[in-house]
């Protein structure tokens, strides 16, 4: 069976991408502790990869220059709304997907894996420029021209299986595949329960509601909000 490296953040989108990749590939997950406030993401990635029956490599990297509200010491996380079209919010991490994909391609080339999967999408999203199709097309060309496998005419494939899906469609696809959404974490914070107020929580809540599927984390989110009143 073909092998793939899957970038697994611990969130619902990357979990769905992992399960989609697993239909045709033997998967190995790659996750990062990069100083994010939602540090529990890495534990969620461990649990999800275990549930999926695949290996996991966890890397700790430093972004000492900060530049994002989701990083520790990076300021307050915006809450209470979803970014207007074209507005890149303070939660954008400079070049994050470019950094993660570079690690993943290096890992894939060293292991002899044929593909790298990433759960980025460009419909219901936070306007991050490195989640858009044009970025991935450009990165594929970089892989083709800048790697040994690329120079040999067999570059590592960059797969974006949920790129053109809405969040509702991602929830539906994950539900059909048996993705353990109860193990995923979308909140930008790392509390006992999701805050229910940051943009990521709001997008997740709307997606499950539109899909007519109960989010296993939603009850906890309501309790967390009630506790602060």
Protein backbone atom coordinates (compact mmCIF):
# COMPACT_ATOMS: atom_id res chain seq x y z
CA UNK A 1 0.00 0.00 0.00
CA UNK A 2 1.12 3.56 -0.71
CA UNK A 3 2.43 5.56 2.26
CA UNK A 4 1.49 9.11 3.19
CA UNK A 5 2.49 11.65 5.80
CA UNK A 6 -0.54 13.44 7.23
CA UNK A 7 -0.25 16.79 8.97
CA UNK A 8 -2.43 16.30 12.04
CA UNK A 9 -3.08 19.32 14.23
CA UNK A 10 -5.61 17.62 16.48
CA UNK A 11 -8.46 19.61 14.93
CA UNK A 12 -11.49 18.31 13.06
CA UNK A 13 -10.30 19.24 9.56
CA UNK A 14 -6.96 17.45 9.82
CA UNK A 15 -8.64 14.46 11.48
CA UNK A 16 -11.02 14.15 8.54
CA UNK A 17 -8.07 14.46 6.13
CA UNK A 18 -6.31 11.63 8.01
CA UNK A 19 -9.29 9.33 7.70
CA UNK A 20 -9.70 10.21 4.02
CA UNK A 21 -6.02 9.49 3.40
CA UNK A 22 -6.34 6.20 5.23
CA UNK A 23 -8.72 4.83 2.62
CA UNK A 24 -5.89 4.38 0.13
CA UNK A 25 -2.67 4.93 2.08
CA UNK A 26 -0.74 3.62 5.02
CA UNK A 27 -0.53 6.80 7.06
CA UNK A 28 1.96 8.29 9.48
CA UNK A 29 0.84 11.47 11.25
CA UNK A 30 3.03 14.49 11.91
CA UNK A 31 2.10 17.08 14.53
CA UNK A 32 3.82 20.16 15.94
CA UNK A 33 4.15 21.86 19.29
CA UNK A 34 5.09 25.31 18.02
CA UNK A 35 4.23 27.39 21.06
CA UNK A 36 0.49 27.53 20.45
CA UNK A 37 -1.81 28.45 23.32
CA UNK A 38 -3.96 25.40 22.48
CA UNK A 39 -1.23 23.06 23.68
CA UNK A 40 -3.72 20.23 24.15
CA UNK A 41 -3.82 19.91 20.35
CA UNK A 42 -0.78 17.63 20.45
CA UNK A 43 -2.43 15.26 22.92
CA UNK A 44 -5.55 15.22 20.73
CA UNK A 45 -3.36 14.36 17.74
CA UNK A 46 -1.87 11.47 19.70
CA UNK A 47 -5.30 10.12 20.58
CA UNK A 48 -6.66 10.52 17.06
CA UNK A 49 -3.68 8.81 15.43
CA UNK A 50 -3.96 5.97 17.92
CA UNK A 51 -7.66 5.58 17.17
CA UNK A 52 -6.88 5.58 13.44
CA UNK A 53 -4.19 2.94 13.93
CA UNK A 54 -1.32 4.97 12.52
CA UNK A 55 2.03 6.12 13.83
CA UNK A 56 2.68 9.66 15.04
CA UNK A 57 5.74 11.87 15.08
CA UNK A 58 5.49 14.94 17.30
CA UNK A 59 7.95 17.78 16.78
CA UNK A 60 8.65 20.77 18.97
CA UNK A 61 9.72 23.85 17.06
CA UNK A 62 10.18 27.46 18.11
CA UNK A 63 8.77 30.62 16.53
CA UNK A 64 10.46 33.11 18.85
CA UNK A 65 9.42 36.12 16.75
CA UNK A 66 5.74 35.41 17.63
CA UNK A 67 3.45 37.34 15.25
CA UNK A 68 0.13 35.65 16.10
CA UNK A 69 -2.51 35.79 18.80
CA UNK A 70 -2.64 31.99 18.96
CA UNK A 71 0.97 31.79 20.16
CA UNK A 72 1.86 32.03 23.83
CA UNK A 73 2.78 35.64 24.56
CA UNK A 74 1.15 36.76 21.33
CA UNK A 75 -1.68 38.91 22.69
CA UNK A 76 -5.40 38.32 23.14
CA UNK A 77 -7.34 35.94 20.93
CA UNK A 78 -10.25 37.73 19.19
CA UNK A 79 -13.66 36.44 20.18
CA UNK A 80 -17.32 36.86 19.40
CA UNK A 81 -17.27 36.93 15.61
CA UNK A 82 -16.07 35.53 12.30
CA UNK A 83 -13.61 37.48 10.13
CA UNK A 84 -15.08 39.57 7.35
CA UNK A 85 -14.28 38.42 3.83
CA UNK A 86 -10.70 39.28 2.90
CA UNK A 87 -9.68 40.27 6.43
CA UNK A 88 -6.80 38.20 7.79
CA UNK A 89 -7.31 37.93 11.56
CA UNK A 90 -4.78 38.21 14.37
CA UNK A 91 -4.85 34.40 14.69
CA UNK A 92 -2.87 34.00 11.45
CA UNK A 93 0.54 32.43 12.14
CA UNK A 94 3.08 33.78 9.62
CA UNK A 95 3.82 31.12 6.96
CA UNK A 96 2.68 28.27 9.25
CA UNK A 97 1.51 25.93 6.49
CA UNK A 98 4.63 26.66 4.47
CA UNK A 99 6.76 25.66 7.46
CA UNK A 100 4.73 22.56 8.30
CA UNK A 101 4.57 21.38 4.69
CA UNK A 102 8.33 21.78 4.31
CA UNK A 103 8.91 19.52 7.30
CA UNK A 104 6.33 17.05 6.02
CA UNK A 105 7.82 16.89 2.52
CA UNK A 106 11.30 16.35 3.97
CA UNK A 107 9.89 13.58 6.19
CA UNK A 108 8.05 11.99 3.26
CA UNK A 109 11.08 12.08 0.99
CA UNK A 110 13.30 10.54 3.68
CA UNK A 111 10.75 7.77 4.36
CA UNK A 112 9.92 7.15 0.73
CA UNK A 113 6.30 8.19 1.25
CA UNK A 114 4.44 9.21 -1.88
CA UNK A 115 2.21 11.96 -0.52
CA UNK A 116 1.61 14.57 2.13
CA UNK A 117 -1.98 15.27 3.22
CA UNK A 118 -3.13 18.50 4.84
CA UNK A 119 -6.62 19.42 6.04
CA UNK A 120 -6.61 23.03 4.85
CA UNK A 121 -9.76 24.41 3.21
CA UNK A 122 -10.67 27.68 1.54
CA UNK A 123 -14.44 28.06 1.85
CA UNK A 124 -15.54 28.47 5.50
CA UNK A 125 -12.16 29.59 6.82
CA UNK A 126 -10.34 32.49 8.47
CA UNK A 127 -8.93 34.02 5.25
CA UNK A 128 -5.45 32.66 5.91
CA UNK A 129 -3.47 33.05 2.65
CA UNK A 130 -1.68 29.71 3.15
CA UNK A 131 -5.01 27.85 3.10
CA UNK A 132 -5.86 28.83 -0.48
CA UNK A 133 -5.63 26.72 -3.58
CA UNK A 134 -3.22 29.12 -5.27
CA UNK A 135 -0.74 28.60 -2.42
CA UNK A 136 -0.84 24.82 -2.72
CA UNK A 137 -0.37 24.95 -6.48
CA UNK A 138 2.70 27.12 -5.96
CA UNK A 139 4.03 24.81 -3.25
CA UNK A 140 3.61 21.76 -5.50
CA UNK A 141 5.83 23.48 -8.04
CA UNK A 142 8.40 24.18 -5.31
CA UNK A 143 8.39 20.48 -4.37
CA UNK A 144 8.77 19.52 -8.01
CA UNK A 145 11.76 21.79 -8.59
CA UNK A 146 13.41 21.72 -5.16
CA UNK A 147 13.58 18.06 -4.11
CA UNK A 148 15.45 14.96 -5.24
CA UNK A 149 12.25 13.06 -5.94
CA UNK A 150 10.96 16.05 -7.88
CA UNK A 151 14.08 16.21 -10.04
CA UNK A 152 13.56 12.52 -10.80
CA UNK A 153 10.04 13.18 -12.03
CA UNK A 154 8.21 11.67 -9.04
CA UNK A 155 7.68 14.51 -6.55
CA UNK A 156 5.94 14.00 -3.24
CA UNK A 157 2.27 14.75 -3.91
CA UNK A 158 0.59 17.47 -1.86
CA UNK A 159 -2.98 16.31 -1.23
CA UNK A 160 -5.70 18.70 -0.01
CA UNK A 161 -8.80 16.49 0.21
CA UNK A 162 -11.06 19.02 1.95
CA UNK A 163 -9.78 22.18 0.25
CA UNK A 164 -13.03 22.94 -1.57
CA UNK A 165 -15.43 21.60 1.03
CA UNK A 166 -17.47 23.75 3.40
CA UNK A 167 -17.11 23.07 7.11
CA UNK A 168 -20.57 21.47 6.98
CA UNK A 169 -19.36 19.10 4.25
CA UNK A 170 -16.23 18.30 6.26
CA UNK A 171 -18.38 17.33 9.25
CA UNK A 172 -20.57 15.18 7.01
CA UNK A 173 -17.57 13.47 5.42
CA UNK A 174 -15.98 12.85 8.80
CA UNK A 175 -19.19 11.44 10.22
CA UNK A 176 -19.47 9.00 7.30
CA UNK A 177 -15.86 7.89 7.86
CA UNK A 178 -16.28 7.42 11.61
CA UNK A 179 -13.91 10.24 12.60
CA UNK A 180 -13.79 10.47 16.43
CA UNK A 181 -14.82 14.11 16.66
CA UNK A 182 -14.95 13.79 20.44
CA UNK A 183 -11.14 13.53 20.38
CA UNK A 184 -10.62 16.65 18.25
CA UNK A 185 -9.90 20.16 19.51
CA UNK A 186 -10.72 23.32 17.55
CA UNK A 187 -10.56 26.05 20.19
CA UNK A 188 -7.67 28.50 20.04
CA UNK A 189 -7.34 28.28 23.83
CA UNK A 190 -6.39 25.30 25.97
CA UNK A 191 -8.97 25.25 28.72
CA UNK A 192 -10.80 22.26 30.13
CA UNK A 193 -13.59 22.88 27.61
CA UNK A 194 -13.80 24.86 24.35
CA UNK A 195 -14.42 28.58 24.91
CA UNK A 196 -17.25 28.63 22.36
CA UNK A 197 -16.39 32.24 21.46
CA UNK A 198 -13.24 32.29 19.31
CA UNK A 199 -13.59 32.17 15.54
CA UNK A 200 -12.54 28.54 15.31
CA UNK A 201 -15.17 27.50 17.88
CA UNK A 202 -17.85 29.51 16.07
CA UNK A 203 -17.02 27.99 12.69
CA UNK A 204 -17.08 24.51 14.20
CA UNK A 205 -20.39 25.10 15.98
CA UNK A 206 -22.02 26.43 12.80
CA UNK A 207 -20.72 23.49 10.76
CA UNK A 208 -22.17 20.85 13.08
CA UNK A 209 -25.47 22.75 13.30
CA UNK A 210 -25.76 23.02 9.51
CA UNK A 211 -24.94 19.32 9.15
CA UNK A 212 -27.62 18.43 11.70
CA UNK A 213 -25.07 16.48 13.75
CA UNK A 214 -24.45 17.05 17.44
CA UNK A 215 -20.93 18.16 18.23
CA UNK A 216 -19.69 15.94 21.08
CA UNK A 217 -17.89 18.97 22.53
CA UNK A 218 -20.81 21.41 22.31
CA UNK A 219 -22.37 20.62 25.69
CA UNK A 220 -19.06 21.31 27.40
CA UNK A 221 -18.80 24.58 25.51
CA UNK A 222 -22.20 25.72 26.76
CA UNK A 223 -21.27 24.82 30.32
CA UNK A 224 -18.02 26.78 30.00
CA UNK A 225 -19.90 29.89 28.84
CA UNK A 226 -22.52 29.54 31.56
CA UNK A 227 -19.80 29.28 34.19
CA UNK A 228 -18.43 32.70 33.23
CA UNK A 229 -21.77 34.49 33.51
